[in-house]
N, C-alpha and C. Protein backbone atom coordinates (compact mmCIF):
# COMPACT_ATOMS: atom_id res chain seq x y z
N UNK A 1 -9.42 -4.44 -17.40
CA UNK A 1 -8.20 -4.03 -16.66
C UNK A 1 -8.08 -3.87 -15.36
N UNK A 2 -6.81 -4.11 -14.30
CA UNK A 2 -7.37 -3.68 -12.56
C UNK A 2 -7.80 -2.42 -12.45
N UNK A 3 -8.69 -3.07 -11.10
CA UNK A 3 -9.06 -1.79 -10.28
C UNK A 3 -8.64 -1.75 -8.78
N UNK A 4 -7.97 -1.09 -8.19
CA UNK A 4 -8.11 -0.99 -7.46
C UNK A 4 -8.32 -0.21 -5.96
N UNK A 5 -8.47 -0.05 -4.90
CA UNK A 5 -9.61 0.04 -4.30
C UNK A 5 -8.59 0.59 -2.77
N UNK A 6 -8.43 1.58 -1.83
CA UNK A 6 -8.09 1.19 -0.68
C UNK A 6 -8.75 1.92 0.22
N UNK A 7 -8.60 1.36 1.57
CA UNK A 7 -9.62 1.31 3.33
C UNK A 7 -8.09 1.54 3.53
N UNK A 8 -8.50 1.82 4.85
CA UNK A 8 -8.05 2.62 6.19
C UNK A 8 -7.51 3.18 7.00
N UNK A 9 -7.41 4.80 6.09
CA UNK A 9 -6.43 5.81 6.27
C UNK A 9 -7.32 6.30 6.84
N UNK A 10 -6.86 7.44 7.53
CA UNK A 10 -7.56 8.45 8.89
C UNK A 10 -6.80 9.15 9.25
N UNK A 11 -6.74 9.28 10.42
CA UNK A 11 -6.31 10.38 11.59
C UNK A 11 -5.41 9.59 12.33
N UNK A 12 -4.54 9.69 12.99
CA UNK A 12 -3.67 8.69 13.89
C UNK A 12 -2.78 9.68 15.19
N UNK A 13 -2.51 9.03 15.30
CA UNK A 13 -2.32 9.98 17.00
C UNK A 13 -0.59 9.58 16.71
N UNK A 14 0.99 10.52 16.82
CA UNK A 14 2.25 9.63 16.78
C UNK A 14 2.28 8.79 18.33
N UNK A 15 2.54 7.00 17.36
CA UNK A 15 2.82 6.20 18.14
C UNK A 15 1.49 5.47 18.10
N UNK A 16 0.67 5.58 17.57
CA UNK A 16 -0.55 4.72 16.90
C UNK A 16 -0.23 3.57 15.84
N UNK A 17 -1.73 3.57 15.22
CA UNK A 17 -1.93 2.15 14.45
C UNK A 17 -2.70 2.69 13.67
N UNK A 18 -2.78 2.09 12.21
CA UNK A 18 -4.09 2.18 11.33
C UNK A 18 -3.42 1.28 10.40
N UNK A 19 -4.33 0.10 9.94
CA UNK A 19 -4.19 -1.17 8.87
C UNK A 19 -5.40 -0.46 7.70
N UNK A 20 -3.67 -0.34 6.26
CA UNK A 20 -4.94 0.01 5.27
C UNK A 20 -4.53 -1.99 4.58
N UNK A 21 -6.43 -0.82 4.59
CA UNK A 21 -6.32 -2.47 3.07
C UNK A 21 -6.39 -1.60 1.59
N UNK A 22 -6.16 -2.63 0.35
CA UNK A 22 -6.32 -2.85 -0.81
C UNK A 22 -6.89 -4.28 -1.28
N UNK A 23 -8.29 -3.23 -2.20
CA UNK A 23 -8.43 -4.32 -2.85
C UNK A 23 -8.75 -4.37 -4.44
N UNK A 24 -8.20 -6.07 -5.37
CA UNK A 24 -8.52 -5.30 -6.59
C UNK A 24 -10.05 -6.34 -7.12
N UNK A 25 -9.55 -5.29 -8.07
CA UNK A 25 -11.10 -5.95 -8.85
C UNK A 25 -10.17 -6.41 -11.11
N UNK A 26 -11.86 -6.91 -11.58
CA UNK A 26 -10.96 -6.52 -12.55
C UNK A 26 -11.56 -7.97 -12.91
N UNK A 27 -10.69 -8.17 -14.68
CA UNK A 27 -10.97 -8.47 -15.56
C UNK A 27 -10.92 -10.24 -15.12
N UNK A 28 -10.57 -11.35 -14.54
CA UNK A 28 -10.43 -12.33 -14.12
C UNK A 28 -8.72 -12.59 -15.03
N UNK A 29 -8.31 -12.46 -16.23
CA UNK A 29 -6.94 -13.01 -16.40
C UNK A 29 -5.92 -12.02 -16.17
N UNK A 30 -6.75 -10.76 -15.93
CA UNK A 30 -5.79 -9.99 -15.33
C UNK A 30 -5.66 -9.78 -13.45
N UNK A 31 -6.53 -10.22 -12.54
CA UNK A 31 -6.53 -10.27 -11.39
C UNK A 31 -5.91 -10.96 -11.40
N UNK A 32 -6.41 -12.17 -12.00
CA UNK A 32 -5.54 -13.82 -11.19
C UNK A 32 -4.09 -13.55 -12.05
N UNK A 33 -3.09 -12.71 -12.41
CA UNK A 33 -2.09 -12.54 -13.28
C UNK A 33 -1.43 -11.29 -12.56
N UNK A 34 -1.32 -10.90 -11.48
CA UNK A 34 -1.23 -9.86 -10.92
C UNK A 34 -0.31 -10.35 -10.31
N UNK A 35 1.35 -10.15 -10.54
CA UNK A 35 2.66 -10.15 -9.81
C UNK A 35 2.66 -9.34 -8.46
N UNK A 36 3.14 -7.86 -8.68
CA UNK A 36 3.53 -8.10 -7.63
C UNK A 36 2.30 -6.45 -7.15
N UNK A 37 2.92 -6.66 -4.79
CA UNK A 37 0.99 -5.79 -4.79
C UNK A 37 1.76 -4.61 -3.82
N UNK A 38 1.83 -3.73 -3.32
CA UNK A 38 2.39 -2.31 -2.76
C UNK A 38 1.93 -1.26 -2.82
N UNK A 39 2.62 -0.93 -1.83
CA UNK A 39 2.21 0.97 -1.86
C UNK A 39 3.10 1.60 -2.04
N UNK A 40 2.76 2.54 -2.23
CA UNK A 40 3.74 3.94 -2.10
C UNK A 40 3.47 5.39 -1.33
N UNK A 41 3.09 5.97 -1.08
CA UNK A 41 3.27 6.74 -0.58
C UNK A 41 3.71 8.43 -0.91
N UNK A 42 3.28 9.65 -0.23
CA UNK A 42 3.01 10.94 -2.29
C UNK A 42 3.35 11.98 -0.66
N UNK A 43 4.50 13.09 -0.34
CA UNK A 43 4.06 13.66 0.07
C UNK A 43 3.10 15.29 0.22
N UNK A 44 3.57 16.24 0.41
CA UNK A 44 3.19 17.11 -0.20
C UNK A 44 3.31 18.34 -1.42
N UNK A 45 4.25 18.30 -2.21
CA UNK A 45 5.32 18.43 -3.67
C UNK A 45 5.26 17.89 -4.21
N UNK A 46 4.07 16.48 -4.21
CA UNK A 46 3.80 15.68 -5.13
C UNK A 46 5.75 14.69 -4.90
N UNK A 47 6.05 14.76 -3.71
CA UNK A 47 7.79 13.57 -3.67
C UNK A 47 6.23 12.15 -3.29
N UNK A 48 7.16 11.24 -4.08
CA UNK A 48 6.40 10.06 -3.93
C UNK A 48 7.89 8.52 -3.86
N UNK A 49 7.38 8.23 -2.45
CA UNK A 49 8.59 7.53 -2.64
C UNK A 49 8.32 5.80 -2.73
N UNK A 50 8.33 4.99 -2.20
CA UNK A 50 7.84 3.41 -2.04
C UNK A 50 7.84 2.80 -0.79
N UNK A 51 6.77 2.35 0.60
CA UNK A 51 6.72 2.33 1.64
C UNK A 51 6.60 0.35 1.11
N UNK A 52 6.25 -0.15 0.39
CA UNK A 52 6.84 -1.73 0.59
C UNK A 52 5.75 -1.82 -1.10
N UNK A 53 6.46 -3.10 -1.33
CA UNK A 53 6.07 -4.17 -2.33
C UNK A 53 5.83 -6.02 -2.11
N UNK A 54 5.45 -6.64 -2.55
CA UNK A 54 4.69 -7.86 -2.72
C UNK A 54 5.13 -8.55 -3.06
N UNK A 55 6.14 -10.04 -3.56
CA UNK A 55 5.37 -11.23 -4.68
C UNK A 55 4.48 -11.90 -4.71
N UNK A 56 3.99 -12.44 -5.35
CA UNK A 56 3.26 -13.44 -4.87
C UNK A 56 2.92 -14.54 -4.11
N UNK A 57 4.52 -14.35 -2.86
CA UNK A 57 4.79 -15.57 -2.56
C UNK A 57 4.36 -15.02 -1.76
N UNK A 58 4.41 -13.58 -1.20
CA UNK A 58 4.82 -12.99 0.45
C UNK A 58 6.04 -12.53 0.74
N UNK A 59 6.99 -12.32 0.10
CA UNK A 59 8.16 -11.71 0.88
C UNK A 59 8.12 -10.98 1.06
N UNK A 60 8.63 -9.48 1.67
CA UNK A 60 7.92 -8.50 1.37
C UNK A 60 9.42 -7.73 1.42
N UNK A 61 9.18 -6.60 0.82
CA UNK A 61 10.22 -5.67 0.08
C UNK A 61 10.10 -4.37 0.88
N UNK A 62 10.67 -3.47 2.18
CA UNK A 62 10.39 -2.13 2.21
C UNK A 62 11.91 -1.16 1.38
N UNK A 63 11.12 -0.61 1.25
CA UNK A 63 11.36 0.86 0.40
C UNK A 63 11.91 1.35 1.50
N UNK A 64 11.92 2.96 2.38
CA UNK A 64 12.15 2.83 3.44
C UNK A 64 12.57 2.46 5.05
N UNK A 65 13.51 3.17 5.01
CA UNK A 65 14.27 2.57 6.27
C UNK A 65 13.19 3.32 7.28
N UNK A 66 13.01 4.14 7.09
CA UNK A 66 12.27 4.41 8.09
C UNK A 66 10.52 3.91 8.80
N UNK A 67 9.92 2.99 7.52
CA UNK A 67 9.55 2.59 6.87
C UNK A 67 9.50 0.94 8.14
N UNK A 68 10.40 0.63 7.64
CA UNK A 68 11.72 -0.40 8.64
C UNK A 68 11.45 -0.91 9.44
N UNK A 69 10.55 -1.70 10.48
CA UNK A 69 10.56 -2.12 11.45
C UNK A 69 9.01 -1.70 12.47
N UNK A 70 8.14 -0.58 11.71
CA UNK A 70 7.80 -0.56 12.49
C UNK A 70 6.40 -0.03 10.79
N UNK A 71 6.38 -1.00 9.42
CA UNK A 71 4.87 -0.84 9.12
C UNK A 71 5.23 -2.48 8.87
N UNK A 72 4.75 -3.13 8.29
CA UNK A 72 3.90 -4.18 8.31
C UNK A 72 3.25 -4.59 7.16
N UNK A 73 4.13 -5.70 5.62
CA UNK A 73 2.90 -6.03 4.21
C UNK A 73 2.50 -7.05 4.42
N UNK A 74 1.47 -7.81 4.20
CA UNK A 74 1.10 -8.41 3.19
C UNK A 74 -0.59 -8.98 2.39
N UNK A 75 -0.30 -10.20 1.94
CA UNK A 75 -0.99 -10.11 1.18
C UNK A 75 -1.60 -11.24 1.53
N UNK A 76 -3.18 -11.21 0.78
CA UNK A 76 -4.07 -12.26 0.39
C UNK A 76 -4.45 -13.05 -0.41
N UNK A 77 -4.12 -14.18 -1.88
CA UNK A 77 -4.26 -13.69 -3.09
C UNK A 77 -5.11 -14.95 -3.51
N UNK A 78 -6.14 -14.68 -2.30
CA UNK A 78 -7.28 -15.57 -3.24
C UNK A 78 -8.14 -14.52 -3.29
N UNK A 79 -8.17 -13.31 -1.94
CA UNK A 79 -8.37 -12.21 -2.15
C UNK A 79 -8.57 -11.52 -2.55
N UNK A 80 -7.34 -11.50 -3.75
CA UNK A 80 -6.71 -10.38 -3.69
C UNK A 80 -6.41 -9.01 -2.87
N UNK A 81 -5.96 -9.31 -2.24
CA UNK A 81 -5.97 -8.24 -1.34
C UNK A 81 -4.35 -7.98 -0.80
N UNK A 82 -3.54 -6.69 -0.56
CA UNK A 82 -2.65 -5.80 0.54
C UNK A 82 -3.40 -5.51 1.31
N UNK A 83 -2.25 -5.23 2.13
CA UNK A 83 -3.18 -4.52 3.76
C UNK A 83 -0.75 -4.42 3.65
N UNK A 84 -1.04 -3.09 4.89
CA UNK A 84 -0.68 -2.40 4.71
C UNK A 84 -0.72 -2.07 6.97
N UNK A 85 -0.06 -3.09 7.77
CA UNK A 85 -0.43 -2.65 9.42
C UNK A 85 1.12 -1.31 9.57
N UNK A 86 0.66 -0.22 10.39
CA UNK A 86 1.60 0.96 10.41
C UNK A 86 1.28 0.87 12.14
N UNK A 87 2.60 0.33 12.61
CA UNK A 87 3.07 1.80 14.25
C UNK A 87 3.45 2.21 14.29
N UNK A 88 3.69 2.34 16.07
CA UNK A 88 4.73 3.44 16.32
C UNK A 88 4.76 4.90 14.64
N UNK A 89 3.63 4.87 14.24
CA UNK A 89 3.18 6.26 13.68
C UNK A 89 4.50 7.58 13.53
N UNK A 90 4.45 8.44 13.46
CA UNK A 90 5.62 9.84 13.18
C UNK A 90 4.93 11.05 12.15
N UNK A 91 4.72 12.07 13.10
CA UNK A 91 3.97 13.05 12.21
C UNK A 91 4.67 12.63 10.65
N UNK A 92 6.39 12.59 10.04
CA UNK A 92 6.61 12.52 8.90
C UNK A 92 6.05 11.57 8.05
N UNK A 93 5.03 10.21 8.50
CA UNK A 93 4.16 8.70 7.77
C UNK A 93 3.05 9.35 6.95
N UNK A 94 2.68 10.94 7.72
CA UNK A 94 1.58 11.57 7.53
C UNK A 94 1.50 11.88 5.54
N UNK A 95 1.07 11.67 4.61
CA UNK A 95 0.71 11.22 3.24
C UNK A 95 0.19 10.98 3.15
N UNK A 96 -0.45 10.92 1.40
CA UNK A 96 -1.71 10.02 1.73
C UNK A 96 -0.67 8.44 0.27
N UNK A 97 -1.67 7.96 0.67
CA UNK A 97 -1.02 6.18 0.65
C UNK A 97 -1.66 5.81 -0.97
N UNK A 98 -0.96 4.89 -2.02
CA UNK A 98 -1.21 4.46 -2.30
C UNK A 98 -0.83 3.14 -2.37
N UNK A 99 -2.17 2.33 -3.66
CA UNK A 99 -2.17 1.06 -3.71
C UNK A 99 -1.90 0.60 -4.67
N UNK A 100 -1.01 -0.02 -5.13
CA UNK A 100 -0.13 -0.44 -7.00
C UNK A 100 -0.45 -2.14 -7.00
N UNK A 101 -0.56 -2.46 -7.82
CA UNK A 101 -0.48 -4.25 -8.87
C UNK A 101 0.12 -4.17 -10.34
N UNK A 102 1.18 -4.68 -9.98
CA UNK A 102 1.34 -4.68 -11.43
C UNK A 102 1.07 -6.46 -12.65
N UNK A 103 0.87 -6.72 -13.22
CA UNK A 103 0.41 -7.34 -14.32
C UNK A 103 0.96 -7.15 -15.05
N UNK A 104 0.77 -8.07 -15.97
CA UNK A 104 1.63 -9.20 -17.45
C UNK A 104 1.32 -7.67 -18.19
N UNK A 105 2.04 -7.67 -19.14
CA UNK A 105 2.37 -6.46 -20.43
C UNK A 105 2.75 -5.40 -19.55
N UNK A 106 3.51 -5.29 -18.66
CA UNK A 106 3.76 -4.38 -18.20
C UNK A 106 2.83 -3.60 -17.85
N UNK A 107 1.63 -3.49 -17.37
CA UNK A 107 0.91 -2.91 -16.82
C UNK A 107 0.71 -2.65 -15.30
N UNK A 108 0.39 -1.80 -15.54
CA UNK A 108 0.06 -1.36 -13.42
C UNK A 108 -0.66 -0.25 -13.85
N UNK A 109 -1.79 -1.22 -12.02
CA UNK A 109 -2.60 0.12 -11.58
C UNK A 109 -2.36 0.46 -11.04
N UNK A 110 -3.03 1.71 -10.24
CA UNK A 110 -2.82 3.12 -9.23
C UNK A 110 -4.70 2.83 -8.24
N UNK A 111 -4.50 2.50 -7.05
CA UNK A 111 -5.49 3.50 -5.92
C UNK A 111 -5.86 4.85 -6.30
N UNK A 112 -7.13 5.07 -6.02
CA UNK A 112 -7.43 6.12 -5.62
C UNK A 112 -6.87 7.01 -4.46
N UNK A 113 -5.90 6.40 -3.81
CA UNK A 113 -4.86 6.80 -2.86
C UNK A 113 -5.78 7.37 -1.64
N UNK A 114 -5.63 6.66 -0.52
CA UNK A 114 -6.41 7.16 0.98
C UNK A 114 -4.95 7.62 2.08
N UNK A 115 -5.30 9.32 2.24
CA UNK A 115 -4.82 9.79 3.63
C UNK A 115 -4.29 9.81 4.67
N UNK A 116 -3.22 9.32 5.21
CA UNK A 116 -3.01 9.15 6.53
C UNK A 116 -2.60 10.18 7.09
N UNK A 117 -3.12 11.02 8.53
CA UNK A 117 -2.20 12.53 8.63
C UNK A 117 -1.97 12.07 10.72
N UNK A 118 -1.17 12.45 11.38
CA UNK A 118 -0.03 11.83 11.79
C UNK A 118 -0.84 13.30 12.39
N UNK A 119 -0.59 13.26 14.26
CA UNK A 119 -1.18 14.54 14.49
C UNK A 119 0.22 14.19 15.65
N UNK A 120 0.82 15.22 15.79
CA UNK A 120 2.13 15.38 17.10
C UNK A 120 1.46 15.71 18.65
């Protein structure tokens, strides 16, 4: 099965930036057939919402109005990576960010999450 590992989280200031990375690994037949990759974030109290996702063609889809214009998702199919460039942080961006990947048979893999904390 596909395994995902996130990196790049940490502490940032309001107005600052971070770049999250997510690397997919696993059996070749699974990794090579990943369709959608994206990012959710989870707030205290376990409310989780979609930040952004992208298909194999790289067309981005942003799930939150607050992220539009500030966050950019990108993907490198050759490297089996998805990225989230986050700019112009606001304190409400503080959350645990999870990478996910969809692959055949309606399977979804999740990363363990990376904490992003924005100080005011």
